[in-house]
């Protein structure tokens, strides 16, 4: 498939790509070795993301004190 960059640095995705990814609205874009890679991403409200993180921490048994201790450890100056 071929896509052309416009004068405003925009690309139009070919219809076949859009049809293959009907729910994709946002893409993570990376460039490596002269190649552009687009990976569809789903956006989620921050509150939903935080709730998911807190739920996973609870399942893993990680407490607030564990987080506080980890932050203190990471902020120690290296001598």
N, C-alpha and C. Protein backbone atom coordinates (compact mmCIF):
# COMPACT_ATOMS: atom_id res chain seq x y z
N UNK A 1 0.85 -1.18 0.00
CA UNK A 1 0.00 0.00 0.00
C UNK A 1 0.88 1.23 0.00
N UNK A 2 0.36 2.28 -0.53
CA UNK A 2 1.11 3.51 -0.66
C UNK A 2 0.37 4.64 0.04
N UNK A 3 1.11 5.46 0.78
CA UNK A 3 0.55 6.65 1.41
C UNK A 3 1.46 7.81 1.08
N UNK A 4 0.87 8.99 0.90
CA UNK A 4 1.65 10.17 0.55
C UNK A 4 1.58 11.19 1.68
N UNK A 5 2.74 11.78 1.99
CA UNK A 5 2.80 12.84 2.99
C UNK A 5 2.33 14.13 2.33
N UNK A 6 1.43 14.85 2.99
CA UNK A 6 0.93 16.11 2.44
C UNK A 6 1.87 17.25 2.78
N UNK A 7 1.59 18.42 2.24
CA UNK A 7 2.41 19.60 2.52
C UNK A 7 2.35 19.99 3.99
N UNK A 8 1.33 19.50 4.71
CA UNK A 8 1.18 19.78 6.14
C UNK A 8 1.70 18.62 6.99
N UNK A 9 2.54 17.75 6.39
CA UNK A 9 3.14 16.61 7.08
C UNK A 9 2.11 15.64 7.64
N UNK A 10 1.03 15.43 6.92
CA UNK A 10 0.01 14.48 7.34
C UNK A 10 0.00 13.29 6.38
N UNK A 11 -0.38 12.13 6.91
CA UNK A 11 -0.55 10.93 6.10
C UNK A 11 -2.00 10.50 6.17
N UNK A 12 -2.52 10.03 5.06
CA UNK A 12 -3.85 9.43 5.05
C UNK A 12 -3.65 7.93 5.01
N UNK A 13 -4.25 7.25 5.96
CA UNK A 13 -4.12 5.79 5.99
C UNK A 13 -4.96 5.18 4.87
N UNK A 14 -4.42 4.20 4.18
CA UNK A 14 -5.20 3.53 3.13
C UNK A 14 -6.46 2.88 3.72
N UNK A 15 -7.51 2.81 2.92
CA UNK A 15 -8.78 2.26 3.36
C UNK A 15 -8.63 0.85 3.94
N UNK A 16 -7.77 0.03 3.34
CA UNK A 16 -7.57 -1.34 3.83
C UNK A 16 -7.04 -1.35 5.27
N UNK A 17 -6.17 -0.40 5.59
CA UNK A 17 -5.63 -0.30 6.95
C UNK A 17 -6.73 0.11 7.92
N UNK A 18 -7.50 1.13 7.54
CA UNK A 18 -8.58 1.62 8.39
C UNK A 18 -9.62 0.52 8.60
N UNK A 19 -9.93 -0.22 7.54
CA UNK A 19 -10.91 -1.31 7.66
C UNK A 19 -10.40 -2.43 8.56
N UNK A 20 -9.08 -2.67 8.55
CA UNK A 20 -8.50 -3.73 9.39
C UNK A 20 -8.45 -3.34 10.86
N UNK A 21 -8.46 -2.04 11.14
CA UNK A 21 -8.39 -1.53 12.52
C UNK A 21 -9.54 -0.55 12.77
N UNK A 22 -10.78 -1.02 12.74
CA UNK A 22 -11.92 -0.11 12.80
C UNK A 22 -12.04 0.70 14.10
N UNK A 23 -11.52 0.18 15.20
CA UNK A 23 -11.65 0.88 16.48
C UNK A 23 -10.45 1.77 16.81
N UNK A 24 -9.42 1.74 15.98
CA UNK A 24 -8.20 2.51 16.26
C UNK A 24 -8.39 3.97 15.92
N UNK A 25 -8.16 4.82 16.91
CA UNK A 25 -8.25 6.26 16.71
C UNK A 25 -6.89 6.91 16.95
N UNK A 26 -6.11 6.33 17.87
CA UNK A 26 -4.79 6.84 18.20
C UNK A 26 -3.74 5.77 17.93
N UNK A 27 -2.54 6.23 17.57
CA UNK A 27 -1.44 5.31 17.27
C UNK A 27 -0.18 5.77 17.97
N UNK A 28 0.60 4.83 18.48
CA UNK A 28 1.93 5.11 18.99
C UNK A 28 2.85 5.05 17.78
N UNK A 29 3.64 6.10 17.56
CA UNK A 29 4.48 6.19 16.37
C UNK A 29 5.94 6.10 16.78
N UNK A 30 6.69 5.19 16.14
CA UNK A 30 8.12 5.08 16.39
C UNK A 30 8.84 5.04 15.04
N UNK A 31 10.10 5.47 15.08
CA UNK A 31 10.95 5.41 13.89
C UNK A 31 12.21 4.66 14.27
N UNK A 32 12.52 3.61 13.50
CA UNK A 32 13.71 2.82 13.77
C UNK A 32 14.23 2.27 12.45
N UNK A 33 15.49 2.48 12.21
CA UNK A 33 16.09 1.96 10.99
C UNK A 33 15.44 2.50 9.72
N UNK A 34 15.00 3.75 9.76
CA UNK A 34 14.38 4.35 8.60
C UNK A 34 12.95 3.89 8.33
N UNK A 35 12.36 3.17 9.29
CA UNK A 35 10.98 2.69 9.13
C UNK A 35 10.08 3.32 10.18
N UNK A 36 8.89 3.67 9.78
CA UNK A 36 7.87 4.21 10.68
C UNK A 36 6.95 3.07 11.07
N UNK A 37 6.71 2.94 12.37
CA UNK A 37 5.80 1.91 12.87
C UNK A 37 4.64 2.57 13.59
N UNK A 38 3.43 2.19 13.25
CA UNK A 38 2.23 2.68 13.92
C UNK A 38 1.60 1.53 14.69
N UNK A 39 1.40 1.71 15.99
CA UNK A 39 0.77 0.68 16.81
C UNK A 39 -0.49 1.29 17.42
N UNK A 40 -1.66 0.70 17.16
CA UNK A 40 -2.89 1.24 17.73
C UNK A 40 -2.86 1.21 19.25
N UNK A 41 -3.34 2.28 19.86
CA UNK A 41 -3.43 2.34 21.32
C UNK A 41 -4.85 2.75 21.70
N UNK A 42 -5.26 2.33 22.88
CA UNK A 42 -6.57 2.72 23.39
C UNK A 42 -6.36 3.73 24.51
N UNK A 43 -7.05 4.81 24.43
CA UNK A 43 -6.96 5.83 25.46
C UNK A 43 -7.95 5.48 26.57
N UNK A 44 -7.53 5.69 27.81
CA UNK A 44 -8.40 5.40 28.95
C UNK A 44 -8.34 6.58 29.90
N UNK A 45 -9.43 6.86 30.57
CA UNK A 45 -9.41 7.94 31.56
C UNK A 45 -8.37 7.64 32.64
N UNK A 46 -7.72 8.69 33.14
CA UNK A 46 -6.69 8.52 34.16
C UNK A 46 -7.26 7.78 35.36
N UNK A 47 -8.48 8.08 35.74
CA UNK A 47 -9.07 7.43 36.92
C UNK A 47 -9.19 5.92 36.70
N UNK A 48 -9.55 5.50 35.50
CA UNK A 48 -9.67 4.07 35.23
C UNK A 48 -8.30 3.41 35.28
N UNK A 49 -7.29 4.09 34.78
CA UNK A 49 -5.93 3.56 34.79
C UNK A 49 -5.44 3.42 36.22
N UNK A 50 -5.65 4.44 37.03
CA UNK A 50 -5.21 4.40 38.42
C UNK A 50 -5.94 3.30 39.19
N UNK A 51 -7.20 3.14 38.92
CA UNK A 51 -7.96 2.08 39.61
C UNK A 51 -7.39 0.72 39.25
N UNK A 52 -7.04 0.53 37.99
CA UNK A 52 -6.46 -0.73 37.56
C UNK A 52 -5.12 -1.00 38.22
N UNK A 53 -4.31 0.05 38.34
CA UNK A 53 -3.00 -0.08 38.98
C UNK A 53 -3.18 -0.44 40.45
N UNK A 54 -4.08 0.27 41.12
CA UNK A 54 -4.32 0.00 42.54
C UNK A 54 -4.84 -1.43 42.75
N UNK A 55 -5.70 -1.87 41.84
CA UNK A 55 -6.23 -3.23 41.95
C UNK A 55 -5.11 -4.26 41.79
N UNK A 56 -4.25 -4.04 40.82
CA UNK A 56 -3.15 -4.98 40.60
C UNK A 56 -2.19 -4.98 41.79
N UNK A 57 -1.91 -3.78 42.35
CA UNK A 57 -1.03 -3.69 43.52
C UNK A 57 -1.63 -4.47 44.69
N UNK A 58 -2.95 -4.37 44.86
CA UNK A 58 -3.62 -5.09 45.93
C UNK A 58 -3.48 -6.60 45.76
N UNK A 59 -3.64 -7.07 44.52
CA UNK A 59 -3.50 -8.50 44.24
C UNK A 59 -2.09 -8.99 44.51
N UNK A 60 -1.11 -8.11 44.26
CA UNK A 60 0.29 -8.48 44.48
C UNK A 60 0.73 -8.28 45.93
N UNK A 61 -0.15 -7.69 46.75
CA UNK A 61 0.18 -7.47 48.15
C UNK A 61 1.11 -6.29 48.39
N UNK A 62 1.16 -5.36 47.45
CA UNK A 62 2.01 -4.17 47.59
C UNK A 62 1.23 -3.12 48.36
N UNK A 63 1.86 -2.60 49.43
CA UNK A 63 1.20 -1.62 50.28
C UNK A 63 1.74 -0.22 50.00
N UNK A 64 1.08 0.79 50.59
CA UNK A 64 1.54 2.17 50.47
C UNK A 64 2.94 2.32 51.05
N UNK A 65 3.19 1.60 52.16
CA UNK A 65 4.52 1.66 52.78
C UNK A 65 5.58 1.10 51.83
N UNK A 66 5.24 0.03 51.11
CA UNK A 66 6.19 -0.53 50.13
C UNK A 66 6.55 0.52 49.08
N UNK A 67 5.56 1.25 48.62
CA UNK A 67 5.79 2.29 47.60
C UNK A 67 6.65 3.41 48.18
N UNK A 68 6.32 3.86 49.37
CA UNK A 68 7.10 4.92 50.03
C UNK A 68 8.55 4.49 50.20
N UNK A 69 8.75 3.26 50.68
CA UNK A 69 10.11 2.74 50.86
C UNK A 69 10.86 2.65 49.52
N UNK A 70 10.16 2.24 48.47
CA UNK A 70 10.79 2.12 47.16
C UNK A 70 11.21 3.49 46.62
N UNK A 71 10.37 4.49 46.85
CA UNK A 71 10.71 5.85 46.41
C UNK A 71 11.92 6.36 47.17
N UNK A 72 11.94 6.15 48.49
CA UNK A 72 13.09 6.58 49.29
C UNK A 72 14.37 5.89 48.81
N UNK A 73 14.28 4.59 48.54
CA UNK A 73 15.44 3.83 48.07
C UNK A 73 15.93 4.39 46.72
N UNK A 74 14.98 4.67 45.81
CA UNK A 74 15.36 5.14 44.47
C UNK A 74 15.96 6.54 44.50
N UNK A 75 15.57 7.33 45.48
CA UNK A 75 16.06 8.72 45.55
C UNK A 75 17.37 8.86 46.31
N UNK A 76 17.86 7.78 46.90
CA UNK A 76 19.13 7.85 47.61
C UNK A 76 20.22 8.28 46.65
N UNK A 77 21.11 9.14 47.15
CA UNK A 77 22.23 9.55 46.29
C UNK A 77 23.26 8.44 46.24
N UNK A 78 23.76 8.21 45.05
CA UNK A 78 24.80 7.18 44.87
C UNK A 78 26.14 7.79 45.21
N UNK A 79 26.90 7.10 46.00
CA UNK A 79 28.23 7.65 46.39
C UNK A 79 29.32 6.82 45.83
